[in-house]
Each structure stands twice: as C-alpha cells, then as structure tokens.
Amino acid sequence: MAIISELHIHKSNSHKRQARDYALKGLKENYNDTFLHDNYLIASNGVWRDFIKINHNSLIEFYREFIKNHPKVFIARIILIENLIDNYRFEEANEEIDKACKLADERSHLLEIYKGQILYKKGKEDEAIELWNKTCKNNPKNYKCYHSVGNQFANFARYEQAIEYYKKSFLIQVAPRKIDSLLAIVEVYSIMKNYEEALKFTEIILKVYETDYNVLGGEELKPYLANKERFEKIIKLEK
C-alpha cells in the first residue's frame, strides 16, 4: 500500500507541475485572471488566504483518533503536534508534546524543538533560540537535530543562523552522508541571492554523490547539474 500511495502522490505532483505550467502560460496572456492566479497558487503549494483551506482540523481529528487506537506510534504524534502548531493551537500542542515525552526515542529532540517553535510564535524569540541551542548541545552527534533547528531558523527567515545549523548538520555526518542540509543551504543562498555560495554548495552535493555513492551521472544528478548551470549563468551576467 505504501508503494501504491507513493505512486499516486508522484502522479499528483506531476499533474500539479503541468497545471502550474498551463496557468503560467495563461497568465502571460491574461495577467489579471483571478482563476489563473488561484490555479497557479494551488499548483505551486502557495499560501492561502481562506481559513477553510489552511485549517487542518480534519487532519488533526484523524490523528487524535488514530493515537487513541495506536498510542505508541510516535510519527502520528509528531504530525498531530505540527499541525496544531501550524494552526496556532498552542495549548493543545503543548499538551500533546507532554504526552509524547513519555514515548521518547531517538526523535525526542523534536519535542524540544516544537516547544521552541511555540515560544517563537508567541513572540518569545530569545527563549526559543536558547532552547534550540540547548537541544543541540544535548544532542551533539545528532545531525537530524541540527537540521531541524536549521529548519526553524529558515522558516522564520533567520537565514544566517539557519545556514550555520545546516552546515553543522552536514559536517557531523559520516559517509554515506545525506544531502538534505546541503539542499537547504542552496535554497537559502538562492533566497539571499548569494549565487556564488549557492553554486559552491551545489558542487559539494555533486561531490557527495561521487564520493559517498559512486554516482557520476544519470537522472538523479540532472536537477543539481541544471542548478549548477543556472547559477553559473547568473554569476556570469552579474560580472
């Protein structure tokens, strides 16, 4: 069932990409068409203005019921907590965090990171950052912990700090290393329009494929090679 559902997700994403391309073509001809803008927004996974569309209550209720029947499934609790936080239901999220603490495993650092996220969204930024720093200090060899904190900083547009934690996440890994943090660094540098650094870390991604996975070409590298070419063109134009 997992493979079948993944295939349908892949197909759905493919349809979304096609919908985005068609909406974009339409906008070039009629830039004031509300429906085309809405379609482009949906296909691009953009932010909605409508409460009904951004509200996660159906998903939240599903996982509340799921956890009643399967209380030891940690990922279900994580999904519930994340969606409560996203909808600013902080009191409920904290209650679920306390319950999940009793099932602490190698992912328990996430619960501390979520506590920090709630603090940050409540305007207690210094407390949040202090908690995130402490969580990483308590998990010095856990690259996922550093990556998760990097995500928090990136999501709050604190890009320099995000890069710092993403770099730490990559550096403490042993081969074969994951490239998630490198991908995030490239994205952040792209947002910052620092294309020299974006190119540098794209080349590091390609090097990791070569040294850690013995991959020198093929479909898997196409997106990174395309990014490399794009960054090189931008840098050339800027000079």
Foldseek 3Di string as FASTA:
>chain_A
DVVVVVVVVVVVLVVLVVQLVVLVVVCVVPVPDPVSVVSNCVSVVHDDPDCVVLQCVVLLVVLVVVCVVVVLPLVSLVVNLVRCVSVVVVVVSLVSLVSSCVNDDPPNLVSLLSVLLNCVVVVNNVVSVVSLVVSCVVVVLQLVSLQSVLVSCVVVVVLVSSLVSLVSSQVSDDALTDCVSLVVNLVSCVVVVVLVVNLVSLVVVQVSCCPRVVDNDDPVNVVSVVSNVVSVVVVVVVD
